[in-house]
Amino acid sequence: MKVSVELTFSPLQDQYEQEIIRFIRALRASGLTVMENPLSTQVYGEYREVMEVLQREMEQSLNAVQQGVFYMKMVKSDRSAYEPHF
């Protein structure tokens, strides 16, 4: 089953940029389709593979910061080729 996931990681501390960069680089290196914009990161692929990568990398990121919040939305389909029709 294909899924599309949108993530936003918000470390609740002053020194946060390095962990966000590490997290995005790890997602890119995973082999999944990854797209970024200034507000979020989107990950596309097979459900089990996406969740395995996210579980590992989200845990590492949460361990690296004092406090942090992940916002996640998931859609059952691969929306990586979506283009607005308006």
PDB file of N, CA and C in Angstrom:
ATOM      1  N   MET A   1       0.853  -1.171   0.000  1.00  0.00           N
ATOM      2  CA  MET A   1       0.000   0.000   0.000  1.00  0.00           C
ATOM      3  C   MET A   1       0.901   1.237   0.000  1.00  0.00           C
ATOM      4  N   LYS A   2       0.647   2.119  -0.934  1.00  0.00           N
ATOM      5  CA  LYS A   2       1.402   3.370  -1.041  1.00  0.00           C
ATOM      6  C   LYS A   2       0.817   4.418  -0.107  1.00  0.00           C
ATOM      7  N   VAL A   3       1.709   5.230   0.481  1.00  0.00           N
ATOM      8  CA  VAL A   3       1.280   6.325   1.345  1.00  0.00           C
ATOM      9  C   VAL A   3       2.076   7.588   1.033  1.00  0.00           C
ATOM     10  N   SER A   4       1.488   8.694   1.416  1.00  0.00           N
ATOM     11  CA  SER A   4       2.136  10.002   1.372  1.00  0.00           C
ATOM     12  C   SER A   4       2.080  10.560   2.783  1.00  0.00           C
ATOM     13  N   VAL A   5       3.225  11.020   3.283  1.00  0.00           N
ATOM     14  CA  VAL A   5       3.300  11.536   4.654  1.00  0.00           C
ATOM     15  C   VAL A   5       3.882  12.936   4.616  1.00  0.00           C
ATOM     16  N   GLU A   6       3.237  13.848   5.326  1.00  0.00           N
ATOM     17  CA  GLU A   6       3.768  15.196   5.493  1.00  0.00           C
ATOM     18  C   GLU A   6       4.210  15.339   6.942  1.00  0.00           C
ATOM     19  N   LEU A   7       5.455  15.798   7.129  1.00  0.00           N
ATOM     20  CA  LEU A   7       6.033  15.929   8.470  1.00  0.00           C
ATOM     21  C   LEU A   7       6.520  17.345   8.715  1.00  0.00           C
ATOM     22  N   THR A   8       6.332  17.792   9.931  1.00  0.00           N
ATOM     23  CA  THR A   8       6.967  19.006  10.414  1.00  0.00           C
ATOM     24  C   THR A   8       7.576  18.669  11.761  1.00  0.00           C
ATOM     25  N   PHE A   9       8.864  18.942  11.916  1.00  0.00           N
ATOM     26  CA  PHE A   9       9.575  18.684  13.172  1.00  0.00           C
ATOM     27  C   PHE A   9       9.884  20.025  13.811  1.00  0.00           C
ATOM     28  N   SER A  10       9.431  20.222  15.039  1.00  0.00           N
ATOM     29  CA  SER A  10       9.644  21.472  15.761  1.00  0.00           C
ATOM     30  C   SER A  10      10.341  21.195  17.087  1.00  0.00           C
ATOM     31  N   PRO A  11      11.679  21.245  17.100  1.00  0.00           N
ATOM     32  CA  PRO A  11      12.371  21.141  18.380  1.00  0.00           C
ATOM     33  C   PRO A  11      12.053  22.376  19.217  1.00  0.00           C
ATOM     34  N   LEU A  12      11.794  22.194  20.485  1.00  0.00           N
ATOM     35  CA  LEU A  12      11.423  23.303  21.365  1.00  0.00           C
ATOM     36  C   LEU A  12      12.651  23.776  22.135  1.00  0.00           C
ATOM     37  N   GLN A  13      13.620  24.257  21.385  1.00  0.00           N
ATOM     38  CA  GLN A  13      14.854  24.755  21.980  1.00  0.00           C
ATOM     39  C   GLN A  13      15.523  25.677  20.978  1.00  0.00           C
ATOM     40  N   ASP A  14      16.547  26.422  21.427  1.00  0.00           N
ATOM     41  CA  ASP A  14      17.217  27.387  20.555  1.00  0.00           C
ATOM     42  C   ASP A  14      18.109  26.720  19.509  1.00  0.00           C
ATOM     43  N   GLN A  15      18.882  25.735  19.885  1.00  0.00           N
ATOM     44  CA  GLN A  15      19.805  25.058  18.977  1.00  0.00           C
ATOM     45  C   GLN A  15      19.094  23.877  18.331  1.00  0.00           C
ATOM     46  N   TYR A  16      18.519  24.086  17.155  1.00  0.00           N
ATOM     47  CA  TYR A  16      17.698  23.043  16.539  1.00  0.00           C
ATOM     48  C   TYR A  16      18.072  22.721  15.093  1.00  0.00           C
ATOM     49  N   GLU A  17      18.759  23.614  14.413  1.00  0.00           N
ATOM     50  CA  GLU A  17      18.961  23.458  12.977  1.00  0.00           C
ATOM     51  C   GLU A  17      19.713  22.179  12.613  1.00  0.00           C
ATOM     52  N   GLN A  18      20.753  21.829  13.352  1.00  0.00           N
ATOM     53  CA  GLN A  18      21.556  20.659  13.002  1.00  0.00           C
ATOM     54  C   GLN A  18      20.730  19.381  13.020  1.00  0.00           C
ATOM     55  N   GLU A  19      19.837  19.232  13.963  1.00  0.00           N
ATOM     56  CA  GLU A  19      19.043  17.998  14.023  1.00  0.00           C
ATOM     57  C   GLU A  19      18.012  17.940  12.904  1.00  0.00           C
ATOM     58  N   ILE A  20      17.448  19.070  12.537  1.00  0.00           N
ATOM     59  CA  ILE A  20      16.521  19.079  11.402  1.00  0.00           C
ATOM     60  C   ILE A  20      17.265  18.709  10.120  1.00  0.00           C
ATOM     61  N   ILE A  21      18.449  19.248   9.926  1.00  0.00           N
ATOM     62  CA  ILE A  21      19.252  18.917   8.745  1.00  0.00           C
ATOM     63  C   ILE A  21      19.607  17.434   8.746  1.00  0.00           C
ATOM     64  N   ARG A  22      20.012  16.884   9.881  1.00  0.00           N
ATOM     65  CA  ARG A  22      20.346  15.466   9.972  1.00  0.00           C
ATOM     66  C   ARG A  22      19.131  14.615   9.616  1.00  0.00           C
ATOM     67  N   PHE A  23      17.977  14.980  10.149  1.00  0.00           N
ATOM     68  CA  PHE A  23      16.745  14.233   9.907  1.00  0.00           C
ATOM     69  C   PHE A  23      16.401  14.222   8.415  1.00  0.00           C
ATOM     70  N   ILE A  24      16.434  15.361   7.765  1.00  0.00           N
ATOM     71  CA  ILE A  24      16.105  15.434   6.341  1.00  0.00           C
ATOM     72  C   ILE A  24      17.128  14.673   5.505  1.00  0.00           C
ATOM     73  N   ARG A  25      18.404  14.791   5.832  1.00  0.00           N
ATOM     74  CA  ARG A  25      19.427  14.031   5.100  1.00  0.00           C
ATOM     75  C   ARG A  25      19.227  12.525   5.247  1.00  0.00           C
ATOM     76  N   ALA A  26      18.846  12.086   6.435  1.00  0.00           N
ATOM     77  CA  ALA A  26      18.586  10.654   6.648  1.00  0.00           C
ATOM     78  C   ALA A  26      17.396  10.195   5.818  1.00  0.00           C
ATOM     79  N   LEU A  27      16.355  11.023   5.729  1.00  0.00           N
ATOM     80  CA  LEU A  27      15.212  10.672   4.886  1.00  0.00           C
ATOM     81  C   LEU A  27      15.627  10.592   3.422  1.00  0.00           C
ATOM     82  N   ARG A  28      16.410  11.546   2.964  1.00  0.00           N
ATOM     83  CA  ARG A  28      16.884  11.532   1.573  1.00  0.00           C
ATOM     84  C   ARG A  28      17.692  10.271   1.272  1.00  0.00           C
ATOM     85  N   ALA A  29      18.522   9.846   2.224  1.00  0.00           N
ATOM     86  CA  ALA A  29      19.390   8.682   2.034  1.00  0.00           C
ATOM     87  C   ALA A  29      18.637   7.355   2.131  1.00  0.00           C
ATOM     88  N   SER A  30      17.377   7.390   2.537  1.00  0.00           N
ATOM     89  CA  SER A  30      16.614   6.164   2.771  1.00  0.00           C
ATOM     90  C   SER A  30      16.181   5.457   1.495  1.00  0.00           C
ATOM     91  N   GLY A  31      16.209   6.147   0.367  1.00  0.00           N
ATOM     92  CA  GLY A  31      15.716   5.570  -0.873  1.00  0.00           C
ATOM     93  C   GLY A  31      14.254   5.883  -1.146  1.00  0.00           C
ATOM     94  N   LEU A  32      13.577   6.481  -0.180  1.00  0.00           N
ATOM     95  CA  LEU A  32      12.191   6.895  -0.371  1.00  0.00           C
ATOM     96  C   LEU A  32      12.156   8.177  -1.198  1.00  0.00           C
ATOM     97  N   THR A  33      11.006   8.491  -1.769  1.00  0.00           N
ATOM     98  CA  THR A  33      10.833   9.769  -2.449  1.00  0.00           C
ATOM     99  C   THR A  33      10.592  10.825  -1.375  1.00  0.00           C
ATOM    100  N   VAL A  34      11.432  11.860  -1.365  1.00  0.00           N
ATOM    101  CA  VAL A  34      11.361  12.908  -0.339  1.00  0.00           C
ATOM    102  C   VAL A  34      11.345  14.260  -1.038  1.00  0.00           C
ATOM    103  N   MET A  35      10.417  15.106  -0.623  1.00  0.00           N
ATOM    104  CA  MET A  35      10.340  16.482  -1.128  1.00  0.00           C
ATOM    105  C   MET A  35      10.259  17.416   0.069  1.00  0.00           C
ATOM    106  N   GLU A  36      10.948  18.542  -0.027  1.00  0.00           N
ATOM    107  CA  GLU A  36      10.909  19.516   1.063  1.00  0.00           C
ATOM    108  C   GLU A  36      10.391  20.857   0.565  1.00  0.00           C
ATOM    109  N   ASN A  37       9.812  21.597   1.491  1.00  0.00           N
ATOM    110  CA  ASN A  37       9.496  22.995   1.266  1.00  0.00           C
ATOM    111  C   ASN A  37       9.801  23.713   2.576  1.00  0.00           C
ATOM    112  N   PRO A  38       9.693  25.017   2.640  1.00  0.00           N
ATOM    113  CA  PRO A  38      10.070  25.723   3.865  1.00  0.00           C
ATOM    114  C   PRO A  38       9.252  25.352   5.103  1.00  0.00           C
ATOM    115  N   LEU A  39       8.087  24.745   4.938  1.00  0.00           N
ATOM    116  CA  LEU A  39       7.221  24.466   6.078  1.00  0.00           C
ATOM    117  C   LEU A  39       7.157  22.999   6.483  1.00  0.00           C
ATOM    118  N   SER A  40       7.495  22.084   5.558  1.00  0.00           N
ATOM    119  CA  SER A  40       7.355  20.666   5.884  1.00  0.00           C
ATOM    120  C   SER A  40       8.179  19.807   4.928  1.00  0.00           C
ATOM    121  N   THR A  41       8.209  18.534   5.236  1.00  0.00           N
ATOM    122  CA  THR A  41       8.875  17.542   4.401  1.00  0.00           C
ATOM    123  C   THR A  41       7.850  16.475   4.061  1.00  0.00           C
ATOM    124  N   GLN A  42       7.813  16.066   2.795  1.00  0.00           N
ATOM    125  CA  GLN A  42       6.895  15.018   2.374  1.00  0.00           C
ATOM    126  C   GLN A  42       7.699  13.768   2.026  1.00  0.00           C
ATOM    127  N   VAL A  43       7.159  12.610   2.430  1.00  0.00           N
ATOM    128  CA  VAL A  43       7.796  11.316   2.183  1.00  0.00           C
ATOM    129  C   VAL A  43       6.759  10.425   1.509  1.00  0.00           C
ATOM    130  N   TYR A  44       7.189   9.724   0.449  1.00  0.00           N
ATOM    131  CA  TYR A  44       6.281   8.889  -0.335  1.00  0.00           C
ATOM    132  C   TYR A  44       6.876   7.496  -0.496  1.00  0.00           C
ATOM    133  N   GLY A  45       6.033   6.469  -0.390  1.00  0.00           N
ATOM    134  CA  GLY A  45       6.511   5.117  -0.611  1.00  0.00           C
ATOM    135  C   GLY A  45       5.561   4.084  -0.052  1.00  0.00           C
ATOM    136  N   GLU A  46       6.058   2.852   0.040  1.00  0.00           N
ATOM    137  CA  GLU A  46       5.275   1.761   0.610  1.00  0.00           C
ATOM    138  C   GLU A  46       5.121   1.969   2.116  1.00  0.00           C
ATOM    139  N   TYR A  47       3.934   1.721   2.626  1.00  0.00           N
ATOM    140  CA  TYR A  47       3.609   1.992   4.025  1.00  0.00           C
ATOM    141  C   TYR A  47       4.653   1.432   4.986  1.00  0.00           C
ATOM    142  N   ARG A  48       4.946   0.142   4.895  1.00  0.00           N
ATOM    143  CA  ARG A  48       5.873  -0.478   5.855  1.00  0.00           C
ATOM    144  C   ARG A  48       7.263   0.138   5.782  1.00  0.00           C
ATOM    145  N   GLU A  49       7.733   0.408   4.590  1.00  0.00           N
ATOM    146  CA  GLU A  49       9.058   1.003   4.438  1.00  0.00           C
ATOM    147  C   GLU A  49       9.095   2.428   4.991  1.00  0.00           C
ATOM    148  N   VAL A  50       8.065   3.212   4.660  1.00  0.00           N
ATOM    149  CA  VAL A  50       7.987   4.587   5.168  1.00  0.00           C
ATOM    150  C   VAL A  50       7.947   4.586   6.690  1.00  0.00           C
ATOM    151  N   MET A  51       7.112   3.740   7.269  1.00  0.00           N
ATOM    152  CA  MET A  51       6.978   3.723   8.725  1.00  0.00           C
ATOM    153  C   MET A  51       8.245   3.228   9.409  1.00  0.00           C
ATOM    154  N   GLU A  52       8.936   2.284   8.810  1.00  0.00           N
ATOM    155  CA  GLU A  52      10.199   1.807   9.379  1.00  0.00           C
ATOM    156  C   GLU A  52      11.231   2.929   9.436  1.00  0.00           C
ATOM    157  N   VAL A  53      11.362   3.660   8.334  1.00  0.00           N
ATOM    158  CA  VAL A  53      12.309   4.776   8.288  1.00  0.00           C
ATOM    159  C   VAL A  53      11.892   5.873   9.263  1.00  0.00           C
ATOM    160  N   LEU A  54      10.608   6.240   9.262  1.00  0.00           N
ATOM    161  CA  LEU A  54      10.153   7.302  10.159  1.00  0.00           C
ATOM    162  C   LEU A  54      10.307   6.918  11.621  1.00  0.00           C
ATOM    163  N   GLN A  55      10.006   5.693  11.960  1.00  0.00           N
ATOM    164  CA  GLN A  55      10.152   5.251  13.355  1.00  0.00           C
ATOM    165  C   GLN A  55      11.596   5.413  13.815  1.00  0.00           C
ATOM    166  N   ARG A  56      12.524   4.938  13.003  1.00  0.00           N
ATOM    167  CA  ARG A  56      13.943   5.011  13.361  1.00  0.00           C
ATOM    168  C   ARG A  56      14.426   6.460  13.455  1.00  0.00           C
ATOM    169  N   GLU A  57      14.127   7.256  12.436  1.00  0.00           N
ATOM    170  CA  GLU A  57      14.663   8.618  12.379  1.00  0.00           C
ATOM    171  C   GLU A  57      13.966   9.572  13.342  1.00  0.00           C
ATOM    172  N   MET A  58      12.674   9.397  13.544  1.00  0.00           N
ATOM    173  CA  MET A  58      11.972  10.239  14.517  1.00  0.00           C
ATOM    174  C   MET A  58      12.470   9.953  15.927  1.00  0.00           C
ATOM    175  N   GLU A  59      12.699   8.694  16.249  1.00  0.00           N
ATOM    176  CA  GLU A  59      13.220   8.362  17.578  1.00  0.00           C
ATOM    177  C   GLU A  59      14.599   8.978  17.785  1.00  0.00           C
ATOM    178  N   GLN A  60      15.463   8.882  16.770  1.00  0.00           N
ATOM    179  CA  GLN A  60      16.791   9.472  16.892  1.00  0.00           C
ATOM    180  C   GLN A  60      16.701  10.989  17.084  1.00  0.00           C
ATOM    181  N   SER A  61      15.814  11.646  16.344  1.00  0.00           N
ATOM    182  CA  SER A  61      15.663  13.095  16.482  1.00  0.00           C
ATOM    183  C   SER A  61      15.133  13.485  17.855  1.00  0.00           C
ATOM    184  N   LEU A  62      14.147  12.752  18.348  1.00  0.00           N
ATOM    185  CA  LEU A  62      13.601  13.075  19.671  1.00  0.00           C
ATOM    186  C   LEU A  62      14.630  12.844  20.769  1.00  0.00           C
ATOM    187  N   ASN A  63      15.494  11.853  20.593  1.00  0.00           N
ATOM    188  CA  ASN A  63      16.565  11.627  21.562  1.00  0.00           C
ATOM    189  C   ASN A  63      17.634  12.706  21.504  1.00  0.00           C
ATOM    190  N   ALA A  64      17.763  13.384  20.362  1.00  0.00           N
ATOM    191  CA  ALA A  64      18.808  14.387  20.172  1.00  0.00           C
ATOM    192  C   ALA A  64      18.433  15.762  20.707  1.00  0.00           C
ATOM    193  N   VAL A  65      17.158  15.998  20.987  1.00  0.00           N
ATOM    194  CA  VAL A  65      16.724  17.307  21.481  1.00  0.00           C
ATOM    195  C   VAL A  65      16.112  17.156  22.869  1.00  0.00           C
ATOM    196  N   GLN A  66      16.078  18.260  23.594  1.00  0.00           N
ATOM    197  CA  GLN A  66      15.478  18.216  24.932  1.00  0.00           C
ATOM    198  C   GLN A  66      13.976  18.009  24.850  1.00  0.00           C
ATOM    199  N   GLN A  67      13.334  18.755  23.979  1.00  0.00           N
ATOM    200  CA  GLN A  67      11.901  18.620  23.742  1.00  0.00           C
ATOM    201  C   GLN A  67      11.638  18.883  22.271  1.00  0.00           C
ATOM    202  N   GLY A  68      10.685  18.165  21.702  1.00  0.00           N
ATOM    203  CA  GLY A  68      10.366  18.376  20.299  1.00  0.00           C
ATOM    204  C   GLY A  68       8.981  17.850  19.980  1.00  0.00           C
ATOM    205  N   VAL A  69       8.432  18.370  18.907  1.00  0.00           N
ATOM    206  CA  VAL A  69       7.099  17.978  18.458  1.00  0.00           C
ATOM    207  C   VAL A  69       7.184  17.585  16.984  1.00  0.00           C
ATOM    208  N   PHE A  70       6.600  16.450  16.634  1.00  0.00           N
ATOM    209  CA  PHE A  70       6.421  16.065  15.238  1.00  0.00           C
ATOM    210  C   PHE A  70       4.945  16.201  14.900  1.00  0.00           C
ATOM    211  N   TYR A  71       4.658  16.890  13.816  1.00  0.00           N
ATOM    212  CA  TYR A  71       3.310  16.950  13.263  1.00  0.00           C
ATOM    213  C   TYR A  71       3.334  16.068  12.025  1.00  0.00           C
ATOM    214  N   MET A  72       2.365  15.156  11.908  1.00  0.00           N
ATOM    215  CA  MET A  72       2.381  14.227  10.789  1.00  0.00           C
ATOM    216  C   MET A  72       0.972  14.055  10.229  1.00  0.00           C
ATOM    217  N   LYS A  73       0.887  14.088   8.891  1.00  0.00           N
ATOM    218  CA  LYS A  73      -0.355  13.775   8.189  1.00  0.00           C
ATOM    219  C   LYS A  73      -0.040  12.667   7.194  1.00  0.00           C
ATOM    220  N   MET A  74      -0.970  11.712   7.053  1.00  0.00           N
ATOM    221  CA  MET A  74      -0.748  10.602   6.148  1.00  0.00           C
ATOM    222  C   MET A  74      -1.970  10.384   5.265  1.00  0.00           C
ATOM    223  N   VAL A  75      -1.720  10.126   3.985  1.00  0.00           N
ATOM    224  CA  VAL A  75      -2.769   9.842   3.014  1.00  0.00           C
ATOM    225  C   VAL A  75      -2.469   8.480   2.402  1.00  0.00           C
ATOM    226  N   LYS A  76      -3.494   7.677   2.244  1.00  0.00           N
ATOM    227  CA  LYS A  76      -3.323   6.371   1.612  1.00  0.00           C
ATOM    228  C   LYS A  76      -3.330   6.552   0.099  1.00  0.00           C
ATOM    229  N   SER A  77      -2.184   6.842  -0.463  1.00  0.00           N
ATOM    230  CA  SER A  77      -1.935   6.926  -1.902  1.00  0.00           C
ATOM    231  C   SER A  77      -0.616   7.662  -2.082  1.00  0.00           C
ATOM    232  N   ASP A  78      -0.031   7.496  -3.229  1.00  0.00           N
ATOM    233  CA  ASP A  78       1.198   8.215  -3.552  1.00  0.00           C
ATOM    234  C   ASP A  78       0.803   9.505  -4.256  1.00  0.00           C
ATOM    235  N   ARG A  79       0.940  10.622  -3.567  1.00  0.00           N
ATOM    236  CA  ARG A  79       0.529  11.926  -4.104  1.00  0.00           C
ATOM    237  C   ARG A  79       1.740  12.730  -4.601  1.00  0.00           C
ATOM    238  N   SER A  80       2.881  12.064  -4.822  1.00  0.00           N
ATOM    239  CA  SER A  80       4.103  12.776  -5.188  1.00  0.00           C
ATOM    240  C   SER A  80       4.010  13.479  -6.544  1.00  0.00           C
ATOM    241  N   ALA A  81       3.125  13.037  -7.410  1.00  0.00           N
ATOM    242  CA  ALA A  81       2.992  13.662  -8.728  1.00  0.00           C
ATOM    243  C   ALA A  81       1.847  14.682  -8.776  1.00  0.00           C
ATOM    244  N   TYR A  82       1.283  15.018  -7.620  1.00  0.00           N
ATOM    245  CA  TYR A  82       0.151  15.936  -7.572  1.00  0.00           C
ATOM    246  C   TYR A  82       0.529  17.299  -8.146  1.00  0.00           C
ATOM    247  N   GLU A  83      -0.348  17.830  -8.983  1.00  0.00           N
ATOM    248  CA  GLU A  83      -0.246  19.193  -9.480  1.00  0.00           C
ATOM    249  C   GLU A  83      -1.610  19.837  -9.350  1.00  0.00           C
ATOM    250  N   PRO A  84      -1.677  21.062  -8.832  1.00  0.00           N
ATOM    251  CA  PRO A  84      -2.983  21.721  -8.705  1.00  0.00           C
ATOM    252  C   PRO A  84      -3.609  21.954 -10.069  1.00  0.00           C
ATOM    253  N   HIS A  85      -4.913  21.878 -10.119  1.00  0.00           N
ATOM    254  CA  HIS A  85      -5.653  22.049 -11.364  1.00  0.00           C
ATOM    255  C   HIS A  85      -6.450  23.348 -11.366  1.00  0.00           C
ATOM    256  N   PHE A  86      -5.877  24.397 -10.818  1.00  0.00           N
ATOM    257  CA  PHE A  86      -6.562  25.687 -10.796  1.00  0.00           C
ATOM    258  C   PHE A  86      -5.572  26.790 -11.033  1.00  0.00           C
TER     259      PHE A  86
END
